[in-house]
Structures are given as C-alpha cells and as structure tokens.
Amino acid sequence: MNQWLSAIGGEILKLCRSRLLWISLGTSILLPVMLGLVFSGSLGSQNNIESILDVPGFMDELGYVVSIGGLIGFGFIYSWIFGREYSDRTVKDLLALPLSRYSVAAAKLMVATVWCEVLALLMFAVGGLTAWFVQLDGWSLEIIAQSFREYALLCIMVICLCIPVAWMASVGRGYMSAFGFIVLTIVISQLGRGIGITEYIPWAIPGLLSGASGEGNAHLQALSLSLPYLTGGIGLIGTLSWWRYADQA
C-alpha cells in the first residue's frame, strides 16, 4: 500500500508541475464556453449547427465534442504520462526507485484516468453554467441531470478507448507511436463508416451513440456497446504486462 501511494503521489506531482495541467484545464473550460456563445448567437454563425438551439441540443452537441475530440484530448494525456518517461530518458531512474514496476504502471494509469474524468466533469459543469448564463431555452436541473447520464456514458467509453494509447506509448518508447495510434484509430473509424462496419469498430461507437456520425444509435447491439470496455480492458492488461515483464534497458 505504501508503494502504491508513493507511486500515485509522484505521478500527481509530475502532473501538477507540468504545462499539460494548465493546457488541459484551459481547453476543458474554453470549449464549452465557445460552444455556448455560438448557440446563443454571440459568436460565429448558428447556421452551422444542426442541433436545436436549446439546452438539450447544447448538451447533445457537447456530447458530440467529447465523443470525437475526447479520443484526441484524453489520448494525449495517456500518451504524455507514459511517453514522457522515455522521451526525457527518466524511465531507468523511475524503475530504480524502491517501487515495483506494477505499482509504477498502475499509478500512471490511475492518475491519467482520474484526470480525464476530472476534465470531463469540468467540461460538463462549465457547459451547464454557460447554457444558463447565455439564457438558452429549456434550462432546468432535470434536463441537466438527464443529459449528464448520457454524457457520462460517452465519457467512460472514450476514456476506455484511450487506455491502449498508454500501451502504445510504452511499446514505442515515446510520444510518436502513441500519436500515430490515435490518428490510426480515427482513420479506421472513418473507413469503417465507408464500408458499413462502423458498429464493429470500438473507436466509432461513441460517435454512433452520440449521433456525431449522423447515424442513429437504435441499431447498436450489446456487442457493439461492449467493444469500448473490452478495448479498455485489453489496453489495461497490455500496459501492465509491458511494464512488468518487458526489458526497459
């Protein structure tokens, strides 16, 4: 337990001292604010928005943003937390500490996952406050609570889909392989849509569920809905196994 807490404390300290903390916080605040201003007509053109210009439509649009942009944003967080050890050449120093490899990898996964959850909650909270501030039609606590349930499901799926990025950053020993993997998943999702197998591609499921792909979600079966969680489980096992058994020399 002491090793576990020490490893988590170290990762939290690294995050707090990094620019990633402020960049991710700023992005999570700025995106819903800008989206709210567009919905209210204060910024940009409302003609480019397909959703109804009220609070439910705004919350749906926020879900669209997370289902697509979250794969990049959350994936970047996992990539940074794992890949920086190799890019900064500190992985050997890290493994020389009186901590088990499992504790180090598990702590990194824990911090990355919790931070992604915090950012997702912050984005939703700022979005709800922005919708109230710009006086969008239909604002009520009941609608916000109902929207949160759908939003939370999307965020959990997206975070699970980003866990394999940690594995790719570890295997590739840096950022570039992880970035390439993120781009590859987006490309595969688009190709799957073109040939009609989108519901079998894990990284496309949040987009289908939120309606961001322009298709309905009523046809999604239990197998499709379970794919993001299965992908996250594979990424979790792969990451922990790599840090436990791979040669880090």
C-alpha atoms as a PDB file:
ATOM      1  CA  MET A   1       0.000   0.000   0.000  1.00  0.00           C
ATOM      2  CA  ASN A   2       2.846   2.403   0.798  1.00  0.00           C
ATOM      3  CA  GLN A   3       4.440   1.699  -2.596  1.00  0.00           C
ATOM      4  CA  TRP A   4       1.118   2.318  -4.298  1.00  0.00           C
ATOM      5  CA  LEU A   5       0.521   5.628  -2.530  1.00  0.00           C
ATOM      6  CA  SER A   6       4.098   6.760  -3.155  1.00  0.00           C
ATOM      7  CA  ALA A   7       3.802   5.995  -6.854  1.00  0.00           C
ATOM      8  CA  ILE A   8       0.486   7.840  -7.138  1.00  0.00           C
ATOM      9  CA  GLY A   9       1.875  10.823  -5.214  1.00  0.00           C
ATOM     10  CA  GLY A  10       4.838  11.018  -7.566  1.00  0.00           C
ATOM     11  CA  GLU A  11       2.648  10.972 -10.665  1.00  0.00           C
ATOM     12  CA  ILE A  12       0.334  13.625  -9.255  1.00  0.00           C
ATOM     13  CA  LEU A  13       3.329  15.833  -8.508  1.00  0.00           C
ATOM     14  CA  LYS A  14       4.620  15.438 -12.078  1.00  0.00           C
ATOM     15  CA  LEU A  15       1.227  16.380 -13.468  1.00  0.00           C
ATOM     16  CA  CYS A  16       0.854  19.410 -11.209  1.00  0.00           C
ATOM     17  CA  ARG A  17       4.271  20.740 -12.270  1.00  0.00           C
ATOM     18  CA  SER A  18       3.671  20.245 -15.989  1.00  0.00           C
ATOM     19  CA  ARG A  19       2.198  22.532 -18.618  1.00  0.00           C
ATOM     20  CA  LEU A  20      -0.230  19.765 -19.510  1.00  0.00           C
ATOM     21  CA  LEU A  21      -2.221  20.579 -16.373  1.00  0.00           C
ATOM     22  CA  TRP A  22      -2.986  24.137 -17.432  1.00  0.00           C
ATOM     23  CA  ILE A  23      -3.378  23.342 -21.135  1.00  0.00           C
ATOM     24  CA  SER A  24      -5.938  20.618 -20.430  1.00  0.00           C
ATOM     25  CA  LEU A  25      -7.788  22.766 -17.891  1.00  0.00           C
ATOM     26  CA  GLY A  26      -7.920  25.708 -20.277  1.00  0.00           C
ATOM     27  CA  THR A  27      -9.186  23.537 -23.124  1.00  0.00           C
ATOM     28  CA  SER A  28     -11.903  21.946 -20.962  1.00  0.00           C
ATOM     29  CA  ILE A  29     -13.149  25.395 -19.960  1.00  0.00           C
ATOM     30  CA  LEU A  30     -12.780  27.145 -23.297  1.00  0.00           C
ATOM     31  CA  LEU A  31     -14.561  24.571 -25.484  1.00  0.00           C
ATOM     32  CA  PRO A  32     -17.977  24.601 -23.721  1.00  0.00           C
ATOM     33  CA  VAL A  33     -17.842  28.394 -23.315  1.00  0.00           C
ATOM     34  CA  MET A  34     -17.230  28.900 -27.045  1.00  0.00           C
ATOM     35  CA  LEU A  35     -19.920  26.363 -27.910  1.00  0.00           C
ATOM     36  CA  GLY A  36     -22.396  28.164 -25.644  1.00  0.00           C
ATOM     37  CA  LEU A  37     -21.597  31.502 -27.247  1.00  0.00           C
ATOM     38  CA  VAL A  38     -22.170  30.016 -30.702  1.00  0.00           C
ATOM     39  CA  PHE A  39     -25.524  28.554 -29.598  1.00  0.00           C
ATOM     40  CA  SER A  40     -26.604  31.932 -28.233  1.00  0.00           C
ATOM     41  CA  GLY A  41     -25.583  33.725 -31.424  1.00  0.00           C
ATOM     42  CA  SER A  42     -22.897  35.795 -29.693  1.00  0.00           C
ATOM     43  CA  LEU A  43     -20.074  34.102 -31.611  1.00  0.00           C
ATOM     44  CA  GLY A  44     -19.902  32.738 -35.135  1.00  0.00           C
ATOM     45  CA  SER A  45     -22.911  31.571 -37.110  1.00  0.00           C
ATOM     46  CA  GLN A  46     -25.768  29.440 -35.811  1.00  0.00           C
ATOM     47  CA  ASN A  47     -26.434  28.169 -39.330  1.00  0.00           C
ATOM     48  CA  ASN A  48     -23.606  25.638 -38.991  1.00  0.00           C
ATOM     49  CA  ILE A  49     -25.275  23.936 -36.014  1.00  0.00           C
ATOM     50  CA  GLU A  50     -27.587  21.042 -36.822  1.00  0.00           C
ATOM     51  CA  SER A  51     -28.875  20.659 -33.239  1.00  0.00           C
ATOM     52  CA  ILE A  52     -31.886  22.564 -31.899  1.00  0.00           C
ATOM     53  CA  LEU A  53     -30.696  25.785 -30.266  1.00  0.00           C
ATOM     54  CA  ASP A  54     -31.813  24.996 -26.730  1.00  0.00           C
ATOM     55  CA  VAL A  55     -30.290  23.383 -23.646  1.00  0.00           C
ATOM     56  CA  PRO A  56     -30.928  19.737 -24.684  1.00  0.00           C
ATOM     57  CA  GLY A  57     -29.452  20.485 -28.099  1.00  0.00           C
ATOM     58  CA  PHE A  58     -26.464  22.184 -26.496  1.00  0.00           C
ATOM     59  CA  MET A  59     -25.825  19.204 -24.227  1.00  0.00           C
ATOM     60  CA  ASP A  60     -26.116  16.843 -27.183  1.00  0.00           C
ATOM     61  CA  GLU A  61     -23.561  18.935 -29.049  1.00  0.00           C
ATOM     62  CA  LEU A  62     -21.253  18.790 -26.030  1.00  0.00           C
ATOM     63  CA  GLY A  63     -21.552  15.009 -26.196  1.00  0.00           C
ATOM     64  CA  TYR A  64     -20.610  15.122 -29.878  1.00  0.00           C
ATOM     65  CA  VAL A  65     -17.477  17.082 -29.000  1.00  0.00           C
ATOM     66  CA  VAL A  66     -16.414  14.573 -26.339  1.00  0.00           C
ATOM     67  CA  SER A  67     -17.140  11.516 -28.483  1.00  0.00           C
ATOM     68  CA  ILE A  68     -14.788  12.750 -31.213  1.00  0.00           C
ATOM     69  CA  GLY A  69     -12.424  15.248 -29.605  1.00  0.00           C
ATOM     70  CA  GLY A  70     -12.037  13.162 -26.452  1.00  0.00           C
ATOM     71  CA  LEU A  71     -10.203  10.470 -28.399  1.00  0.00           C
ATOM     72  CA  ILE A  72      -7.542  13.063 -29.177  1.00  0.00           C
ATOM     73  CA  GLY A  73      -7.559  15.017 -25.913  1.00  0.00           C
ATOM     74  CA  PHE A  74      -7.727  12.113 -23.476  1.00  0.00           C
ATOM     75  CA  GLY A  75      -5.394  10.093 -25.679  1.00  0.00           C
ATOM     76  CA  PHE A  76      -2.838  12.889 -25.465  1.00  0.00           C
ATOM     77  CA  ILE A  77      -2.956  12.718 -21.662  1.00  0.00           C
ATOM     78  CA  TYR A  78      -2.240   8.974 -21.612  1.00  0.00           C
ATOM     79  CA  SER A  79       0.483   9.484 -24.199  1.00  0.00           C
ATOM     80  CA  TRP A  80       2.160  12.218 -22.177  1.00  0.00           C
ATOM     81  CA  ILE A  81       2.035  10.436 -18.820  1.00  0.00           C
ATOM     82  CA  PHE A  82       3.629   7.287 -20.240  1.00  0.00           C
ATOM     83  CA  GLY A  83       5.660   8.558 -23.183  1.00  0.00           C
ATOM     84  CA  ARG A  84       7.460  11.365 -21.365  1.00  0.00           C
ATOM     85  CA  GLU A  85       9.452   8.878 -19.279  1.00  0.00           C
ATOM     86  CA  TYR A  86      11.073   7.575 -22.462  1.00  0.00           C
ATOM     87  CA  SER A  87      11.419  10.925 -24.239  1.00  0.00           C
ATOM     88  CA  ASP A  88      13.006  12.534 -21.150  1.00  0.00           C
ATOM     89  CA  ARG A  89      15.144   9.417 -20.566  1.00  0.00           C
ATOM     90  CA  THR A  90      13.906   9.069 -17.000  1.00  0.00           C
ATOM     91  CA  VAL A  91      12.419   5.585 -17.261  1.00  0.00           C
ATOM     92  CA  LYS A  92      15.546   3.887 -15.885  1.00  0.00           C
ATOM     93  CA  ASP A  93      15.672   6.309 -12.959  1.00  0.00           C
ATOM     94  CA  LEU A  94      11.993   5.647 -12.319  1.00  0.00           C
ATOM     95  CA  LEU A  95      12.450   1.885 -12.288  1.00  0.00           C
ATOM     96  CA  ALA A  96      15.461   2.215  -9.993  1.00  0.00           C
ATOM     97  CA  LEU A  97      13.215   3.545  -7.225  1.00  0.00           C
ATOM     98  CA  PRO A  98      12.129   1.132  -4.463  1.00  0.00           C
ATOM     99  CA  LEU A  99       8.780   0.618  -6.211  1.00  0.00           C
ATOM    100  CA  SER A 100       7.532  -2.385  -8.135  1.00  0.00           C
ATOM    101  CA  ARG A 101       7.054  -1.983 -11.879  1.00  0.00           C
ATOM    102  CA  TYR A 102       3.419  -2.887 -11.440  1.00  0.00           C
ATOM    103  CA  SER A 103       2.951  -0.078  -8.920  1.00  0.00           C
ATOM    104  CA  VAL A 104       4.552   2.451 -11.258  1.00  0.00           C
ATOM    105  CA  ALA A 105       2.391   1.484 -14.267  1.00  0.00           C
ATOM    106  CA  ALA A 106      -0.803   1.157 -12.227  1.00  0.00           C
ATOM    107  CA  ALA A 107      -0.225   4.579 -10.643  1.00  0.00           C
ATOM    108  CA  LYS A 108       0.250   6.164 -14.050  1.00  0.00           C
ATOM    109  CA  LEU A 109      -2.966   4.586 -15.337  1.00  0.00           C
ATOM    110  CA  MET A 110      -4.841   5.689 -12.238  1.00  0.00           C
ATOM    111  CA  VAL A 111      -3.684   9.302 -12.446  1.00  0.00           C
ATOM    112  CA  ALA A 112      -4.328   9.526 -16.196  1.00  0.00           C
ATOM    113  CA  THR A 113      -7.816   8.039 -15.873  1.00  0.00           C
ATOM    114  CA  VAL A 114      -8.840  10.195 -12.914  1.00  0.00           C
ATOM    115  CA  TRP A 115      -7.525  13.333 -14.611  1.00  0.00           C
ATOM    116  CA  CYS A 116      -9.516  12.566 -17.759  1.00  0.00           C
ATOM    117  CA  GLU A 117     -12.619  12.094 -15.607  1.00  0.00           C
ATOM    118  CA  VAL A 118     -11.996  15.405 -13.840  1.00  0.00           C
ATOM    119  CA  LEU A 119     -11.628  17.203 -17.169  1.00  0.00           C
ATOM    120  CA  ALA A 120     -14.830  15.606 -18.473  1.00  0.00           C
ATOM    121  CA  LEU A 121     -16.762  16.660 -15.363  1.00  0.00           C
ATOM    122  CA  LEU A 122     -15.312  20.166 -15.587  1.00  0.00           C
ATOM    123  CA  MET A 123     -16.365  20.467 -19.213  1.00  0.00           C
ATOM    124  CA  PHE A 124     -19.917  19.419 -18.391  1.00  0.00           C
ATOM    125  CA  ALA A 125     -20.144  21.762 -15.399  1.00  0.00           C
ATOM    126  CA  VAL A 126     -18.835  24.718 -17.397  1.00  0.00           C
ATOM    127  CA  GLY A 127     -21.203  23.796 -20.218  1.00  0.00           C
ATOM    128  CA  GLY A 128     -24.197  23.786 -17.890  1.00  0.00           C
ATOM    129  CA  LEU A 129     -23.220  27.135 -16.380  1.00  0.00           C
ATOM    130  CA  THR A 130     -22.620  28.622 -19.821  1.00  0.00           C
ATOM    131  CA  ALA A 131     -26.041  27.459 -21.031  1.00  0.00           C
ATOM    132  CA  TRP A 132     -27.611  29.176 -18.012  1.00  0.00           C
ATOM    133  CA  PHE A 133     -25.539  32.347 -18.420  1.00  0.00           C
ATOM    134  CA  VAL A 134     -26.398  32.840 -22.102  1.00  0.00           C
ATOM    135  CA  GLN A 135     -30.042  32.019 -21.284  1.00  0.00           C
ATOM    136  CA  LEU A 136     -30.632  29.144 -23.660  1.00  0.00           C
ATOM    137  CA  ASP A 137     -34.218  27.890 -23.734  1.00  0.00           C
ATOM    138  CA  GLY A 138     -35.182  24.886 -21.623  1.00  0.00           C
ATOM    139  CA  TRP A 139     -32.617  25.146 -18.812  1.00  0.00           C
ATOM    140  CA  SER A 140     -33.599  23.105 -15.758  1.00  0.00           C
ATOM    141  CA  LEU A 141     -31.889  20.820 -13.274  1.00  0.00           C
ATOM    142  CA  GLU A 142     -33.951  17.898 -14.564  1.00  0.00           C
ATOM    143  CA  ILE A 143     -32.686  18.363 -18.125  1.00  0.00           C
ATOM    144  CA  ILE A 144     -29.114  18.836 -16.905  1.00  0.00           C
ATOM    145  CA  ALA A 145     -29.316  15.619 -14.850  1.00  0.00           C
ATOM    146  CA  GLN A 146     -30.793  13.668 -17.750  1.00  0.00           C
ATOM    147  CA  SER A 147     -28.102  14.985 -20.102  1.00  0.00           C
ATOM    148  CA  PHE A 148     -25.396  14.077 -17.597  1.00  0.00           C
ATOM    149  CA  ARG A 149     -26.315  10.394 -17.658  1.00  0.00           C
ATOM    150  CA  GLU A 150     -25.826  10.221 -21.408  1.00  0.00           C
ATOM    151  CA  TYR A 151     -22.718  12.397 -21.256  1.00  0.00           C
ATOM    152  CA  ALA A 152     -21.127  10.255 -18.527  1.00  0.00           C
ATOM    153  CA  LEU A 153     -21.662   7.076 -20.556  1.00  0.00           C
ATOM    154  CA  LEU A 154     -19.941   8.647 -23.556  1.00  0.00           C
ATOM    155  CA  CYS A 155     -17.019   9.856 -21.445  1.00  0.00           C
ATOM    156  CA  ILE A 156     -16.485   6.448 -19.842  1.00  0.00           C
ATOM    157  CA  MET A 157     -16.441   4.831 -23.278  1.00  0.00           C
ATOM    158  CA  VAL A 158     -13.988   7.369 -24.680  1.00  0.00           C
ATOM    159  CA  ILE A 159     -11.640   7.051 -21.688  1.00  0.00           C
ATOM    160  CA  CYS A 160     -11.663   3.256 -22.032  1.00  0.00           C
ATOM    161  CA  LEU A 161     -10.807   3.595 -25.710  1.00  0.00           C
ATOM    162  CA  CYS A 162      -7.823   5.813 -24.832  1.00  0.00           C
ATOM    163  CA  ILE A 163      -6.220   3.340 -22.405  1.00  0.00           C
ATOM    164  CA  PRO A 164      -4.479   1.403 -25.242  1.00  0.00           C
ATOM    165  CA  VAL A 165      -2.649   4.666 -26.055  1.00  0.00           C
ATOM    166  CA  ALA A 166      -0.666   4.138 -22.840  1.00  0.00           C
ATOM    167  CA  TRP A 167       0.339   0.705 -24.111  1.00  0.00           C
ATOM    168  CA  MET A 168       1.428   2.119 -27.483  1.00  0.00           C
ATOM    169  CA  ALA A 169       3.430   4.884 -25.791  1.00  0.00           C
ATOM    170  CA  SER A 170       5.194   2.259 -23.681  1.00  0.00           C
ATOM    171  CA  VAL A 171       5.909  -0.144 -26.528  1.00  0.00           C
ATOM    172  CA  GLY A 172       7.014   2.697 -28.814  1.00  0.00           C
ATOM    173  CA  ARG A 173       9.045   4.289 -26.014  1.00  0.00           C
ATOM    174  CA  GLY A 174       7.794   7.817 -26.588  1.00  0.00           C
ATOM    175  CA  TYR A 175       5.059  10.080 -27.904  1.00  0.00           C
ATOM    176  CA  MET A 176       5.205   9.483 -31.649  1.00  0.00           C
ATOM    177  CA  SER A 177       3.935   5.908 -31.734  1.00  0.00           C
ATOM    178  CA  ALA A 178       1.060   6.885 -29.426  1.00  0.00           C
ATOM    179  CA  PHE A 179       0.141   9.864 -31.626  1.00  0.00           C
ATOM    180  CA  GLY A 180       0.276   7.615 -34.671  1.00  0.00           C
ATOM    181  CA  PHE A 181      -2.043   5.139 -32.958  1.00  0.00           C
ATOM    182  CA  ILE A 182      -4.550   7.895 -32.167  1.00  0.00           C
ATOM    183  CA  VAL A 183      -4.588   9.027 -35.801  1.00  0.00           C
ATOM    184  CA  LEU A 184      -4.880   5.427 -36.958  1.00  0.00           C
ATOM    185  CA  THR A 185      -7.967   4.796 -34.813  1.00  0.00           C
ATOM    186  CA  ILE A 186      -9.672   7.873 -36.257  1.00  0.00           C
ATOM    187  CA  VAL A 187      -8.814   6.817 -39.816  1.00  0.00           C
ATOM    188  CA  ILE A 188     -10.065   3.269 -39.198  1.00  0.00           C
ATOM    189  CA  SER A 189     -13.329   4.659 -37.818  1.00  0.00           C
ATOM    190  CA  GLN A 190     -13.857   6.730 -40.962  1.00  0.00           C
ATOM    191  CA  LEU A 191     -13.010   3.800 -43.240  1.00  0.00           C
ATOM    192  CA  GLY A 192     -15.400   1.596 -41.305  1.00  0.00           C
ATOM    193  CA  ARG A 193     -18.165   4.087 -41.880  1.00  0.00           C
ATOM    194  CA  GLY A 194     -17.469   3.996 -45.607  1.00  0.00           C
ATOM    195  CA  ILE A 195     -17.795   0.213 -45.867  1.00  0.00           C
ATOM    196  CA  GLY A 196     -20.674  -0.126 -43.399  1.00  0.00           C
ATOM    197  CA  ILE A 197     -18.997  -1.853 -40.449  1.00  0.00           C
ATOM    198  CA  THR A 198     -18.873   1.116 -38.082  1.00  0.00           C
ATOM    199  CA  GLU A 199     -20.758  -0.691 -35.316  1.00  0.00           C
ATOM    200  CA  TYR A 200     -17.925  -3.220 -35.081  1.00  0.00           C
ATOM    201  CA  ILE A 201     -15.129  -0.673 -34.679  1.00  0.00           C
ATOM    202  CA  PRO A 202     -14.659   0.260 -30.986  1.00  0.00           C
ATOM    203  CA  TRP A 203     -13.469   3.826 -31.590  1.00  0.00           C
ATOM    204  CA  ALA A 204     -16.544   4.599 -33.702  1.00  0.00           C
ATOM    205  CA  ILE A 205     -19.097   3.514 -31.070  1.00  0.00           C
ATOM    206  CA  PRO A 206     -19.136   6.798 -29.054  1.00  0.00           C
ATOM    207  CA  GLY A 207     -19.736   8.729 -32.263  1.00  0.00           C
ATOM    208  CA  LEU A 208     -22.619   6.440 -33.195  1.00  0.00           C
ATOM    209  CA  LEU A 209     -24.076   6.595 -29.700  1.00  0.00           C
ATOM    210  CA  SER A 210     -23.933  10.397 -29.572  1.00  0.00           C
ATOM    211  CA  GLY A 211     -25.153  10.844 -33.128  1.00  0.00           C
ATOM    212  CA  ALA A 212     -21.977  12.667 -34.138  1.00  0.00           C
ATOM    213  CA  SER A 213     -21.607  10.377 -37.151  1.00  0.00           C
ATOM    214  CA  GLY A 214     -25.028  11.429 -38.418  1.00  0.00           C
ATOM    215  CA  GLU A 215     -26.427   7.928 -37.955  1.00  0.00           C
ATOM    216  CA  GLY A 216     -28.957   6.674 -35.446  1.00  0.00           C
ATOM    217  CA  ASN A 217     -27.931   4.592 -32.452  1.00  0.00           C
ATOM    218  CA  ALA A 218     -31.042   2.435 -32.149  1.00  0.00           C
ATOM    219  CA  HIS A 219     -29.421  -0.405 -34.095  1.00  0.00           C
ATOM    220  CA  LEU A 220     -26.468  -0.741 -31.730  1.00  0.00           C
ATOM    221  CA  GLN A 221     -26.407  -4.179 -30.157  1.00  0.00           C
ATOM    222  CA  ALA A 222     -24.902  -5.305 -26.850  1.00  0.00           C
ATOM    223  CA  LEU A 223     -21.774  -6.487 -28.662  1.00  0.00           C
ATOM    224  CA  SER A 224     -21.151  -3.039 -30.125  1.00  0.00           C
ATOM    225  CA  LEU A 225     -21.775  -1.289 -26.813  1.00  0.00           C
ATOM    226  CA  SER A 226     -19.342  -3.634 -25.038  1.00  0.00           C
ATOM    227  CA  LEU A 227     -16.478  -3.108 -27.504  1.00  0.00           C
ATOM    228  CA  PRO A 228     -15.116   0.122 -25.892  1.00  0.00           C
ATOM    229  CA  TYR A 229     -14.923  -1.553 -22.477  1.00  0.00           C
ATOM    230  CA  LEU A 230     -13.303  -4.658 -23.958  1.00  0.00           C
ATOM    231  CA  THR A 231     -10.768  -2.446 -25.731  1.00  0.00           C
ATOM    232  CA  GLY A 232     -10.014  -0.638 -22.480  1.00  0.00           C
ATOM    233  CA  GLY A 233      -9.515  -3.955 -20.690  1.00  0.00           C
ATOM    234  CA  ILE A 234      -7.085  -5.145 -23.353  1.00  0.00           C
ATOM    235  CA  GLY A 235      -5.180  -1.863 -23.125  1.00  0.00           C
ATOM    236  CA  LEU A 236      -5.032  -2.136 -19.335  1.00  0.00           C
ATOM    237  CA  ILE A 237      -3.673  -5.690 -19.380  1.00  0.00           C
ATOM    238  CA  GLY A 238      -1.236  -4.872 -22.176  1.00  0.00           C
ATOM    239  CA  THR A 239       0.154  -1.805 -20.407  1.00  0.00           C
ATOM    240  CA  LEU A 240       0.602  -3.512 -17.042  1.00  0.00           C
ATOM    241  CA  SER A 241       2.156  -6.580 -18.660  1.00  0.00           C
ATOM    242  CA  TRP A 242       4.593  -4.478 -20.672  1.00  0.00           C
ATOM    243  CA  TRP A 243       5.819  -2.573 -17.648  1.00  0.00           C
ATOM    244  CA  ARG A 244       6.003  -5.759 -15.585  1.00  0.00           C
ATOM    245  CA  TYR A 245       7.800  -8.087 -17.996  1.00  0.00           C
ATOM    246  CA  ALA A 246       9.382  -6.093 -20.864  1.00  0.00           C
ATOM    247  CA  ASP A 247      13.069  -5.238 -20.916  1.00  0.00           C
ATOM    248  CA  GLN A 248      13.266  -1.485 -20.227  1.00  0.00           C
ATOM    249  CA  ALA A 249      17.009  -1.223 -20.888  1.00  0.00           C
END
